[in-house]
Full PDB file with SEQRES, HELIX, SHEET, SSBOND, CRYST1, ORIGX, SCALE, CONECT and MASTER records, all heavy atoms in Angstrom:
SEQRES   1 A   38  LEU LYS SER GLY VAL LEU LYS ILE ILE GLU ILE LYS LYS          
SEQRES   2 A   38  LEU PRO ILE HIS ARG GLN PHE TYR PHE ILE THR PRO GLN          
SEQRES   3 A   38  GLY PRO GLU GLY GLY LEU PRO LEU LEU LEU MET ASN              
HELIX    1 AA1 GLY A   31  MET A   37  1                                   7    
CRYST1    1.000    1.000    1.000  90.00  90.00  90.00 P 1           1          
ORIGX1      1.000000  0.000000  0.000000        0.00000                         
ORIGX2      0.000000  1.000000  0.000000        0.00000                         
ORIGX3      0.000000  0.000000  1.000000        0.00000                         
SCALE1      1.000000  0.000000  0.000000        0.00000                         
SCALE2      0.000000  1.000000  0.000000        0.00000                         
SCALE3      0.000000  0.000000  1.000000        0.00000                         
ATOM      1  N   LEU A   1       0.810  -1.223   0.045  1.00  0.00           N  
ATOM      2  CA  LEU A   1      -0.005   0.012  -0.019  1.00  0.00           C  
ATOM      3  C   LEU A   1       0.855   1.248   0.016  1.00  0.00           C  
ATOM      4  O   LEU A   1       0.603   2.212  -0.718  1.00  0.00           O  
ATOM      5  CB  LEU A   1      -0.917   0.008   1.211  1.00  0.00           C  
ATOM      6  CG  LEU A   1      -2.025  -1.062   1.280  1.00  0.00           C  
ATOM      7  CD1 LEU A   1      -2.769  -0.998   2.579  1.00  0.00           C  
ATOM      8  CD2 LEU A   1      -3.004  -0.944   0.104  1.00  0.00           C  
ATOM      9  N   LYS A   2       1.929   1.252   0.763  1.00  0.00           N  
ATOM     10  CA  LYS A   2       2.838   2.343   0.842  1.00  0.00           C  
ATOM     11  C   LYS A   2       3.533   2.644  -0.475  1.00  0.00           C  
ATOM     12  O   LYS A   2       3.720   3.809  -0.901  1.00  0.00           O  
ATOM     13  CB  LYS A   2       3.864   2.140   1.959  1.00  0.00           C  
ATOM     14  CG  LYS A   2       4.697   3.321   2.267  1.00  0.00           C  
ATOM     15  CD  LYS A   2       5.650   3.069   3.473  1.00  0.00           C  
ATOM     16  CE  LYS A   2       6.475   4.294   3.814  1.00  0.00           C  
ATOM     17  NZ  LYS A   2       7.385   4.043   4.985  1.00  0.00           N  
ATOM     18  N   SER A   3       3.876   1.554  -1.173  1.00  0.00           N  
ATOM     19  CA  SER A   3       4.611   1.719  -2.434  1.00  0.00           C  
ATOM     20  C   SER A   3       3.635   1.944  -3.620  1.00  0.00           C  
ATOM     21  O   SER A   3       4.070   2.305  -4.724  1.00  0.00           O  
ATOM     22  CB  SER A   3       5.446   0.447  -2.750  1.00  0.00           C  
ATOM     23  OG  SER A   3       4.594  -0.660  -2.933  1.00  0.00           O  
ATOM     24  N   GLY A   4       2.350   1.767  -3.382  1.00  0.00           N  
ATOM     25  CA  GLY A   4       1.374   1.935  -4.410  1.00  0.00           C  
ATOM     26  C   GLY A   4       1.174   0.772  -5.389  1.00  0.00           C  
ATOM     27  O   GLY A   4       0.456   0.873  -6.379  1.00  0.00           O  
ATOM     28  N   VAL A   5       1.736  -0.372  -5.021  1.00  0.00           N  
ATOM     29  CA  VAL A   5       1.626  -1.530  -5.888  1.00  0.00           C  
ATOM     30  C   VAL A   5       0.205  -2.096  -5.831  1.00  0.00           C  
ATOM     31  O   VAL A   5      -0.353  -2.622  -6.802  1.00  0.00           O  
ATOM     32  CB  VAL A   5       2.620  -2.593  -5.441  1.00  0.00           C  
ATOM     33  CG1 VAL A   5       2.419  -3.917  -6.172  1.00  0.00           C  
ATOM     34  CG2 VAL A   5       4.028  -2.127  -5.779  1.00  0.00           C  
ATOM     35  N   LEU A   6      -0.399  -2.059  -4.602  1.00  0.00           N  
ATOM     36  CA  LEU A   6      -1.750  -2.507  -4.401  1.00  0.00           C  
ATOM     37  C   LEU A   6      -2.642  -1.394  -3.877  1.00  0.00           C  
ATOM     38  O   LEU A   6      -2.105  -0.454  -3.269  1.00  0.00           O  
ATOM     39  CB  LEU A   6      -1.805  -3.710  -3.350  1.00  0.00           C  
ATOM     40  CG  LEU A   6      -1.056  -4.938  -3.762  1.00  0.00           C  
ATOM     41  CD1 LEU A   6      -1.144  -5.997  -2.666  1.00  0.00           C  
ATOM     42  CD2 LEU A   6      -1.584  -5.515  -5.098  1.00  0.00           C  
ATOM     43  N   LYS A   7      -3.946  -1.535  -4.110  1.00  0.00           N  
ATOM     44  CA  LYS A   7      -4.886  -0.537  -3.604  1.00  0.00           C  
ATOM     45  C   LYS A   7      -6.080  -1.237  -2.985  1.00  0.00           C  
ATOM     46  O   LYS A   7      -6.582  -2.224  -3.453  1.00  0.00           O  
ATOM     47  CB  LYS A   7      -5.328   0.370  -4.788  1.00  0.00           C  
ATOM     48  CG  LYS A   7      -6.366   1.440  -4.336  1.00  0.00           C  
ATOM     49  CD  LYS A   7      -6.908   2.169  -5.554  1.00  0.00           C  
ATOM     50  CE  LYS A   7      -7.985   3.169  -4.986  1.00  0.00           C  
ATOM     51  NZ  LYS A   7      -8.654   3.930  -6.101  1.00  0.00           N  
ATOM     52  N   ILE A   8      -6.559  -0.586  -1.885  1.00  0.00           N  
ATOM     53  CA  ILE A   8      -7.749  -1.083  -1.226  1.00  0.00           C  
ATOM     54  C   ILE A   8      -9.032  -0.525  -1.922  1.00  0.00           C  
ATOM     55  O   ILE A   8      -9.077   0.636  -2.179  1.00  0.00           O  
ATOM     56  CB  ILE A   8      -7.783  -0.708   0.209  1.00  0.00           C  
ATOM     57  CG1 ILE A   8      -6.619  -1.398   0.980  1.00  0.00           C  
ATOM     58  CG2 ILE A   8      -9.130  -1.038   0.913  1.00  0.00           C  
ATOM     59  CD1 ILE A   8      -6.493  -0.940   2.482  1.00  0.00           C  
ATOM     60  N   ILE A   9      -9.975  -1.399  -2.180  1.00  0.00           N  
ATOM     61  CA  ILE A   9     -11.279  -1.032  -2.734  1.00  0.00           C  
ATOM     62  C   ILE A   9     -12.306  -1.234  -1.642  1.00  0.00           C  
ATOM     63  O   ILE A   9     -12.478  -2.411  -1.208  1.00  0.00           O  
ATOM     64  CB  ILE A   9     -11.658  -1.823  -3.973  1.00  0.00           C  
ATOM     65  CG1 ILE A   9     -10.513  -1.702  -5.000  1.00  0.00           C  
ATOM     66  CG2 ILE A   9     -12.969  -1.272  -4.561  1.00  0.00           C  
ATOM     67  CD1 ILE A   9     -10.183  -0.322  -5.548  1.00  0.00           C  
ATOM     68  N   GLU A  10     -12.919  -0.191  -1.152  1.00  0.00           N  
ATOM     69  CA  GLU A  10     -13.868  -0.336  -0.076  1.00  0.00           C  
ATOM     70  C   GLU A  10     -15.104  -1.069  -0.615  1.00  0.00           C  
ATOM     71  O   GLU A  10     -15.505  -0.881  -1.716  1.00  0.00           O  
ATOM     72  CB  GLU A  10     -14.282   0.996   0.527  1.00  0.00           C  
ATOM     73  CG  GLU A  10     -13.140   1.783   1.116  1.00  0.00           C  
ATOM     74  CD  GLU A  10     -12.637   1.218   2.450  1.00  0.00           C  
ATOM     75  OE1 GLU A  10     -13.334   0.403   3.062  1.00  0.00           O  
ATOM     76  OE2 GLU A  10     -11.509   1.597   2.866  1.00  0.00           O  
ATOM     77  N   ILE A  11     -15.753  -1.862   0.247  1.00  0.00           N  
ATOM     78  CA  ILE A  11     -17.041  -2.449  -0.052  1.00  0.00           C  
ATOM     79  C   ILE A  11     -18.113  -1.763   0.809  1.00  0.00           C  
ATOM     80  O   ILE A  11     -17.996  -1.783   2.001  1.00  0.00           O  
ATOM     81  CB  ILE A  11     -17.027  -3.989   0.234  1.00  0.00           C  
ATOM     82  CG1 ILE A  11     -15.888  -4.646  -0.517  1.00  0.00           C  
ATOM     83  CG2 ILE A  11     -18.370  -4.619  -0.219  1.00  0.00           C  
ATOM     84  CD1 ILE A  11     -15.756  -6.109  -0.177  1.00  0.00           C  
ATOM     85  N   LYS A  12     -19.088  -1.175   0.204  1.00  0.00           N  
ATOM     86  CA  LYS A  12     -20.081  -0.396   0.916  1.00  0.00           C  
ATOM     87  C   LYS A  12     -20.822  -1.189   1.948  1.00  0.00           C  
ATOM     88  O   LYS A  12     -21.364  -2.282   1.701  1.00  0.00           O  
ATOM     89  CB  LYS A  12     -21.123   0.170  -0.127  1.00  0.00           C  
ATOM     90  CG  LYS A  12     -22.077   1.222   0.501  1.00  0.00           C  
ATOM     91  CD  LYS A  12     -22.908   1.839  -0.590  1.00  0.00           C  
ATOM     92  CE  LYS A  12     -23.792   2.938   0.004  1.00  0.00           C  
ATOM     93  NZ  LYS A  12     -24.661   3.579  -1.098  1.00  0.00           N  
ATOM     94  N   LYS A  13     -20.732  -0.695   3.161  1.00  0.00           N  
ATOM     95  CA  LYS A  13     -21.381  -1.253   4.304  1.00  0.00           C  
ATOM     96  C   LYS A  13     -21.014  -2.757   4.534  1.00  0.00           C  
ATOM     97  O   LYS A  13     -21.814  -3.549   4.960  1.00  0.00           O  
ATOM     98  CB  LYS A  13     -22.893  -1.138   4.216  1.00  0.00           C  
ATOM     99  CG  LYS A  13     -23.386   0.317   4.209  1.00  0.00           C  
ATOM    100  CD  LYS A  13     -24.911   0.392   4.150  1.00  0.00           C  
ATOM    101  CE  LYS A  13     -25.390   1.867   4.190  1.00  0.00           C  
ATOM    102  NZ  LYS A  13     -26.849   1.940   4.133  1.00  0.00           N  
ATOM    103  N   LEU A  14     -19.773  -3.061   4.196  1.00  0.00           N  
ATOM    104  CA  LEU A  14     -19.342  -4.452   4.452  1.00  0.00           C  
ATOM    105  C   LEU A  14     -17.867  -4.434   4.988  1.00  0.00           C  
ATOM    106  O   LEU A  14     -16.948  -4.926   4.381  1.00  0.00           O  
ATOM    107  CB  LEU A  14     -19.386  -5.286   3.179  1.00  0.00           C  
ATOM    108  CG  LEU A  14     -19.043  -6.796   3.331  1.00  0.00           C  
ATOM    109  CD1 LEU A  14     -20.034  -7.462   4.286  1.00  0.00           C  
ATOM    110  CD2 LEU A  14     -19.105  -7.472   1.967  1.00  0.00           C  
ATOM    111  N   PRO A  15     -17.670  -3.919   6.262  1.00  0.00           N  
ATOM    112  CA  PRO A  15     -16.431  -4.043   6.872  1.00  0.00           C  
ATOM    113  C   PRO A  15     -16.213  -5.528   7.316  1.00  0.00           C  
ATOM    114  O   PRO A  15     -17.136  -6.159   7.749  1.00  0.00           O  
ATOM    115  CB  PRO A  15     -16.474  -3.108   8.071  1.00  0.00           C  
ATOM    116  CG  PRO A  15     -17.948  -3.139   8.419  1.00  0.00           C  
ATOM    117  CD  PRO A  15     -18.660  -3.208   7.104  1.00  0.00           C  
ATOM    118  N   ILE A  16     -15.002  -6.031   7.180  1.00  0.00           N  
ATOM    119  CA  ILE A  16     -14.706  -7.389   7.524  1.00  0.00           C  
ATOM    120  C   ILE A  16     -13.604  -7.407   8.609  1.00  0.00           C  
ATOM    121  O   ILE A  16     -12.441  -7.129   8.276  1.00  0.00           O  
ATOM    122  CB  ILE A  16     -14.280  -8.283   6.357  1.00  0.00           C  
ATOM    123  CG1 ILE A  16     -15.423  -8.235   5.256  1.00  0.00           C  
ATOM    124  CG2 ILE A  16     -14.116  -9.729   6.824  1.00  0.00           C  
ATOM    125  CD1 ILE A  16     -15.049  -9.065   4.034  1.00  0.00           C  
ATOM    126  N   HIS A  17     -13.979  -7.625   9.818  1.00  0.00           N  
ATOM    127  CA  HIS A  17     -13.030  -7.707  10.931  1.00  0.00           C  
ATOM    128  C   HIS A  17     -12.943  -9.139  11.438  1.00  0.00           C  
ATOM    129  O   HIS A  17     -13.922  -9.924  11.348  1.00  0.00           O  
ATOM    130  CB  HIS A  17     -13.342  -6.737  12.075  1.00  0.00           C  
ATOM    131  CG  HIS A  17     -13.289  -5.297  11.660  1.00  0.00           C  
ATOM    132  ND1 HIS A  17     -14.431  -4.600  11.289  1.00  0.00           N  
ATOM    133  CD2 HIS A  17     -12.240  -4.481  11.494  1.00  0.00           C  
ATOM    134  CE1 HIS A  17     -14.084  -3.315  10.980  1.00  0.00           C  
ATOM    135  NE2 HIS A  17     -12.712  -3.226  11.097  1.00  0.00           N  
ATOM    136  N   ARG A  18     -11.811  -9.449  12.001  1.00  0.00           N  
ATOM    137  CA  ARG A  18     -11.688 -10.769  12.608  1.00  0.00           C  
ATOM    138  C   ARG A  18     -10.722 -10.715  13.793  1.00  0.00           C  
ATOM    139  O   ARG A  18      -9.981  -9.701  13.970  1.00  0.00           O  
ATOM    140  CB  ARG A  18     -11.145 -11.790  11.607  1.00  0.00           C  
ATOM    141  CG  ARG A  18      -9.753 -11.503  11.156  1.00  0.00           C  
ATOM    142  CD  ARG A  18      -9.216 -12.565  10.288  1.00  0.00           C  
ATOM    143  NE  ARG A  18      -7.929 -12.177   9.636  1.00  0.00           N  
ATOM    144  CZ  ARG A  18      -7.227 -12.941   8.851  1.00  0.00           C  
ATOM    145  NH1 ARG A  18      -7.712 -14.098   8.464  1.00  0.00           N  
ATOM    146  NH2 ARG A  18      -6.058 -12.527   8.308  1.00  0.00           N  
ATOM    147  N   GLN A  19     -10.708 -11.736  14.570  1.00  0.00           N  
ATOM    148  CA  GLN A  19      -9.813 -11.776  15.727  1.00  0.00           C  
ATOM    149  C   GLN A  19      -8.851 -12.939  15.486  1.00  0.00           C  
ATOM    150  O   GLN A  19      -9.186 -14.050  15.005  1.00  0.00           O  
ATOM    151  CB  GLN A  19     -10.700 -12.118  16.945  1.00  0.00           C  
ATOM    152  CG  GLN A  19      -9.939 -12.064  18.288  1.00  0.00           C  
ATOM    153  CD  GLN A  19      -9.702 -10.656  18.760  1.00  0.00           C  
ATOM    154  OE1 GLN A  19     -10.558  -9.804  18.668  1.00  0.00           O  
ATOM    155  NE2 GLN A  19      -8.498 -10.409  19.308  1.00  0.00           N  
ATOM    156  N   PHE A  20      -7.617 -12.703  15.799  1.00  0.00           N  
ATOM    157  CA  PHE A  20      -6.659 -13.789  15.891  1.00  0.00           C  
ATOM    158  C   PHE A  20      -6.719 -14.338  17.298  1.00  0.00           C  
ATOM    159  O   PHE A  20      -6.835 -13.597  18.325  1.00  0.00           O  
ATOM    160  CB  PHE A  20      -5.206 -13.226  15.613  1.00  0.00           C  
ATOM    161  CG  PHE A  20      -4.911 -12.811  14.201  1.00  0.00           C  
ATOM    162  CD1 PHE A  20      -4.025 -11.772  13.967  1.00  0.00           C  
ATOM    163  CD2 PHE A  20      -5.582 -13.362  13.192  1.00  0.00           C  
ATOM    164  CE1 PHE A  20      -3.798 -11.356  12.718  1.00  0.00           C  
ATOM    165  CE2 PHE A  20      -5.363 -12.914  11.863  1.00  0.00           C  
ATOM    166  CZ  PHE A  20      -4.500 -11.936  11.643  1.00  0.00           C  
ATOM    167  N   TYR A  21      -6.598 -15.665  17.371  1.00  0.00           N  
ATOM    168  CA  TYR A  21      -6.771 -16.326  18.681  1.00  0.00           C  
ATOM    169  C   TYR A  21      -5.521 -17.249  19.011  1.00  0.00           C  
ATOM    170  O   TYR A  21      -4.950 -17.795  18.097  1.00  0.00           O  
ATOM    171  CB  TYR A  21      -7.999 -17.273  18.668  1.00  0.00           C  
ATOM    172  CG  TYR A  21      -9.317 -16.550  18.682  1.00  0.00           C  
ATOM    173  CD1 TYR A  21      -9.898 -16.171  17.462  1.00  0.00           C  
ATOM    174  CD2 TYR A  21      -9.958 -16.293  19.878  1.00  0.00           C  
ATOM    175  CE1 TYR A  21     -11.140 -15.579  17.509  1.00  0.00           C  
ATOM    176  CE2 TYR A  21     -11.177 -15.625  19.890  1.00  0.00           C  
ATOM    177  CZ  TYR A  21     -11.756 -15.223  18.698  1.00  0.00           C  
ATOM    178  OH  TYR A  21     -12.971 -14.563  18.702  1.00  0.00           O  
ATOM    179  N   PHE A  22      -5.203 -17.229  20.316  1.00  0.00           N  
ATOM    180  CA  PHE A  22      -4.325 -18.290  20.814  1.00  0.00           C  
ATOM    181  C   PHE A  22      -5.200 -19.556  20.950  1.00  0.00           C  
ATOM    182  O   PHE A  22      -6.333 -19.434  21.386  1.00  0.00           O  
ATOM    183  CB  PHE A  22      -3.799 -17.931  22.213  1.00  0.00           C  
ATOM    184  CG  PHE A  22      -2.850 -16.755  22.223  1.00  0.00           C  
ATOM    185  CD1 PHE A  22      -3.232 -15.625  22.889  1.00  0.00           C  
ATOM    186  CD2 PHE A  22      -1.651 -16.745  21.565  1.00  0.00           C  
ATOM    187  CE1 PHE A  22      -2.436 -14.523  22.939  1.00  0.00           C  
ATOM    188  CE2 PHE A  22      -0.797 -15.641  21.562  1.00  0.00           C  
ATOM    189  CZ  PHE A  22      -1.164 -14.523  22.309  1.00  0.00           C  
ATOM    190  N   ILE A  23      -4.653 -20.642  20.569  1.00  0.00           N  
ATOM    191  CA  ILE A  23      -5.348 -21.935  20.894  1.00  0.00           C  
ATOM    192  C   ILE A  23      -4.488 -22.860  21.759  1.00  0.00           C  
ATOM    193  O   ILE A  23      -3.275 -22.987  21.594  1.00  0.00           O  
ATOM    194  CB  ILE A  23      -5.778 -22.666  19.554  1.00  0.00           C  
ATOM    195  CG1 ILE A  23      -4.515 -22.985  18.710  1.00  0.00           C  
ATOM    196  CG2 ILE A  23      -6.801 -21.885  18.815  1.00  0.00           C  
ATOM    197  CD1 ILE A  23      -4.885 -23.908  17.549  1.00  0.00           C  
ATOM    198  N   THR A  24      -5.168 -23.365  22.792  1.00  0.00           N  
ATOM    199  CA  THR A  24      -4.491 -24.295  23.720  1.00  0.00           C  
ATOM    200  C   THR A  24      -5.512 -25.414  24.015  1.00  0.00           C  
ATOM    201  O   THR A  24      -6.707 -25.263  23.815  1.00  0.00           O  
ATOM    202  CB  THR A  24      -4.115 -23.583  25.047  1.00  0.00           C  
ATOM    203  OG1 THR A  24      -5.252 -22.890  25.524  1.00  0.00           O  
ATOM    204  CG2 THR A  24      -2.981 -22.601  24.836  1.00  0.00           C  
ATOM    205  N   PRO A  25      -5.021 -26.567  24.528  1.00  0.00           N  
ATOM    206  CA  PRO A  25      -5.961 -27.576  24.907  1.00  0.00           C  
ATOM    207  C   PRO A  25      -6.860 -27.106  26.015  1.00  0.00           C  
ATOM    208  O   PRO A  25      -6.485 -26.274  26.802  1.00  0.00           O  
ATOM    209  CB  PRO A  25      -5.043 -28.750  25.377  1.00  0.00           C  
ATOM    210  CG  PRO A  25      -3.701 -28.428  24.753  1.00  0.00           C  
ATOM    211  CD  PRO A  25      -3.618 -26.955  24.664  1.00  0.00           C  
ATOM    212  N   GLN A  26      -8.058 -27.669  26.089  1.00  0.00           N  
ATOM    213  CA  GLN A  26      -8.926 -27.356  27.226  1.00  0.00           C  
ATOM    214  C   GLN A  26      -8.286 -27.766  28.521  1.00  0.00           C  
ATOM    215  O   GLN A  26      -7.595 -28.781  28.604  1.00  0.00           O  
ATOM    216  CB  GLN A  26     -10.295 -28.090  27.022  1.00  0.00           C  
ATOM    217  CG  GLN A  26     -11.149 -27.593  25.912  1.00  0.00           C  
ATOM    218  CD  GLN A  26     -11.780 -26.198  26.211  1.00  0.00           C  
ATOM    219  OE1 GLN A  26     -11.543 -25.617  27.238  1.00  0.00           O  
ATOM    220  NE2 GLN A  26     -12.615 -25.721  25.321  1.00  0.00           N  
ATOM    221  N   GLY A  27      -8.530 -26.960  29.556  1.00  0.00           N  
ATOM    222  CA  GLY A  27      -7.944 -27.229  30.853  1.00  0.00           C  
ATOM    223  C   GLY A  27      -7.135 -26.068  31.306  1.00  0.00           C  
ATOM    224  O   GLY A  27      -7.031 -25.013  30.665  1.00  0.00           O  
ATOM    225  N   PRO A  28      -6.457 -26.174  32.444  1.00  0.00           N  
ATOM    226  CA  PRO A  28      -5.681 -25.082  32.969  1.00  0.00           C  
ATOM    227  C   PRO A  28      -4.543 -24.712  32.054  1.00  0.00           C  
ATOM    228  O   PRO A  28      -3.889 -25.647  31.460  1.00  0.00           O  
ATOM    229  CB  PRO A  28      -5.135 -25.656  34.326  1.00  0.00           C  
ATOM    230  CG  PRO A  28      -6.038 -26.774  34.663  1.00  0.00           C  
ATOM    231  CD  PRO A  28      -6.515 -27.336  33.336  1.00  0.00           C  
ATOM    232  N   GLU A  29      -4.240 -23.417  31.962  1.00  0.00           N  
ATOM    233  CA  GLU A  29      -3.128 -22.941  31.145  1.00  0.00           C  
ATOM    234  C   GLU A  29      -1.973 -22.642  32.023  1.00  0.00           C  
ATOM    235  O   GLU A  29      -2.088 -22.174  33.131  1.00  0.00           O  
ATOM    236  CB  GLU A  29      -3.523 -21.637  30.346  1.00  0.00           C  
ATOM    237  CG  GLU A  29      -4.594 -21.978  29.337  1.00  0.00           C  
ATOM    238  CD  GLU A  29      -5.141 -20.702  28.730  1.00  0.00           C  
ATOM    239  OE1 GLU A  29      -4.869 -19.594  29.326  1.00  0.00           O  
ATOM    240  OE2 GLU A  29      -5.822 -20.715  27.709  1.00  0.00           O  
ATOM    241  N   GLY A  30      -0.804 -22.982  31.624  1.00  0.00           N  
ATOM    242  CA  GLY A  30       0.378 -22.727  32.404  1.00  0.00           C  
ATOM    243  C   GLY A  30       1.664 -23.022  31.633  1.00  0.00           C  
ATOM    244  O   GLY A  30       1.643 -23.268  30.396  1.00  0.00           O  
ATOM    245  N   GLY A  31       2.798 -23.010  32.292  1.00  0.00           N  
ATOM    246  CA  GLY A  31       4.062 -23.347  31.632  1.00  0.00           C  
ATOM    247  C   GLY A  31       4.485 -22.326  30.611  1.00  0.00           C  
ATOM    248  O   GLY A  31       4.064 -21.162  30.556  1.00  0.00           O  
ATOM    249  N   LEU A  32       5.321 -22.806  29.710  1.00  0.00           N  
ATOM    250  CA  LEU A  32       5.817 -22.004  28.646  1.00  0.00           C  
ATOM    251  C   LEU A  32       4.709 -21.392  27.695  1.00  0.00           C  
ATOM    252  O   LEU A  32       4.863 -20.295  27.240  1.00  0.00           O  
ATOM    253  CB  LEU A  32       6.913 -22.777  27.837  1.00  0.00           C  
ATOM    254  CG  LEU A  32       8.159 -23.090  28.580  1.00  0.00           C  
ATOM    255  CD1 LEU A  32       9.094 -23.858  27.705  1.00  0.00           C  
ATOM    256  CD2 LEU A  32       8.899 -21.867  29.115  1.00  0.00           C  
ATOM    257  N   PRO A  33       3.655 -22.218  27.441  1.00  0.00           N  
ATOM    258  CA  PRO A  33       2.646 -21.605  26.606  1.00  0.00           C  
ATOM    259  C   PRO A  33       2.025 -20.337  27.198  1.00  0.00           C  
ATOM    260  O   PRO A  33       1.760 -19.347  26.473  1.00  0.00           O  
ATOM    261  CB  PRO A  33       1.532 -22.723  26.487  1.00  0.00           C  
ATOM    262  CG  PRO A  33       2.357 -23.978  26.615  1.00  0.00           C  
ATOM    263  CD  PRO A  33       3.438 -23.605  27.621  1.00  0.00           C  
ATOM    264  N   LEU A  34       1.772 -20.369  28.487  1.00  0.00           N  
ATOM    265  CA  LEU A  34       1.212 -19.190  29.148  1.00  0.00           C  
ATOM    266  C   LEU A  34       2.194 -18.011  29.148  1.00  0.00           C  
ATOM    267  O   LEU A  34       1.854 -16.883  28.970  1.00  0.00           O  
ATOM    268  CB  LEU A  34       0.801 -19.491  30.598  1.00  0.00           C  
ATOM    269  CG  LEU A  34       0.168 -18.357  31.372  1.00  0.00           C  
ATOM    270  CD1 LEU A  34      -1.149 -17.910  30.672  1.00  0.00           C  
ATOM    271  CD2 LEU A  34      -0.176 -18.786  32.780  1.00  0.00           C  
ATOM    272  N   LEU A  35       3.483 -18.355  29.349  1.00  0.00           N  
ATOM    273  CA  LEU A  35       4.553 -17.359  29.306  1.00  0.00           C  
ATOM    274  C   LEU A  35       4.540 -16.616  27.966  1.00  0.00           C  
ATOM    275  O   LEU A  35       4.635 -15.403  27.826  1.00  0.00           O  
ATOM    276  CB  LEU A  35       5.919 -17.978  29.527  1.00  0.00           C  
ATOM    277  CG  LEU A  35       7.129 -17.038  29.437  1.00  0.00           C  
ATOM    278  CD1 LEU A  35       7.172 -16.052  30.628  1.00  0.00           C  
ATOM    279  CD2 LEU A  35       8.441 -17.858  29.397  1.00  0.00           C  
ATOM    280  N   LEU A  36       4.425 -17.384  26.853  1.00  0.00           N  
ATOM    281  CA  LEU A  36       4.459 -16.800  25.506  1.00  0.00           C  
ATOM    282  C   LEU A  36       3.134 -16.026  25.279  1.00  0.00           C  
ATOM    283  O   LEU A  36       3.232 -14.923  24.734  1.00  0.00           O  
ATOM    284  CB  LEU A  36       4.615 -17.931  24.422  1.00  0.00           C  
ATOM    285  CG  LEU A  36       4.602 -17.393  23.008  1.00  0.00           C  
ATOM    286  CD1 LEU A  36       5.848 -16.528  22.756  1.00  0.00           C  
ATOM    287  CD2 LEU A  36       4.569 -18.556  22.015  1.00  0.00           C  
ATOM    288  N   MET A  37       2.079 -16.557  25.647  1.00  0.00           N  
ATOM    289  CA  MET A  37       0.773 -15.846  25.475  1.00  0.00           C  
ATOM    290  C   MET A  37       0.753 -14.477  26.136  1.00  0.00           C  
ATOM    291  O   MET A  37       0.387 -13.460  25.574  1.00  0.00           O  
ATOM    292  CB  MET A  37      -0.386 -16.676  26.068  1.00  0.00           C  
ATOM    293  CG  MET A  37      -0.790 -17.872  25.206  1.00  0.00           C  
ATOM    294  SD  MET A  37      -2.090 -18.852  26.022  1.00  0.00           S  
ATOM    295  CE  MET A  37      -3.392 -17.695  26.275  1.00  0.00           C  
ATOM    296  N   ASN A  38       1.242 -14.461  27.400  1.00  0.00           N  
ATOM    297  CA  ASN A  38       1.282 -13.192  28.159  1.00  0.00           C  
ATOM    298  C   ASN A  38       2.259 -12.221  27.453  1.00  0.00           C  
ATOM    299  O   ASN A  38       1.929 -11.018  27.362  1.00  0.00           O  
ATOM    300  CB  ASN A  38       1.732 -13.446  29.576  1.00  0.00           C  
ATOM    301  CG  ASN A  38       0.657 -14.133  30.386  1.00  0.00           C  
ATOM    302  OD1 ASN A  38      -0.559 -14.110  30.041  1.00  0.00           O  
ATOM    303  ND2 ASN A  38       1.051 -14.764  31.527  1.00  0.00           N  
TER     304      ASN A  38                                                      
MASTER        0    0    0    1    0    0    0    6  303    1    0    3          
END                                                                             
């Protein structure tokens, strides 16, 4: 975008947002995975 190679085309009334998620097994979180998440 900064170099002008690509351009964003807006879509009327259609913003698309999403969330990135950490995934871990169900159960208590701890150890190195929790260290990295934090």
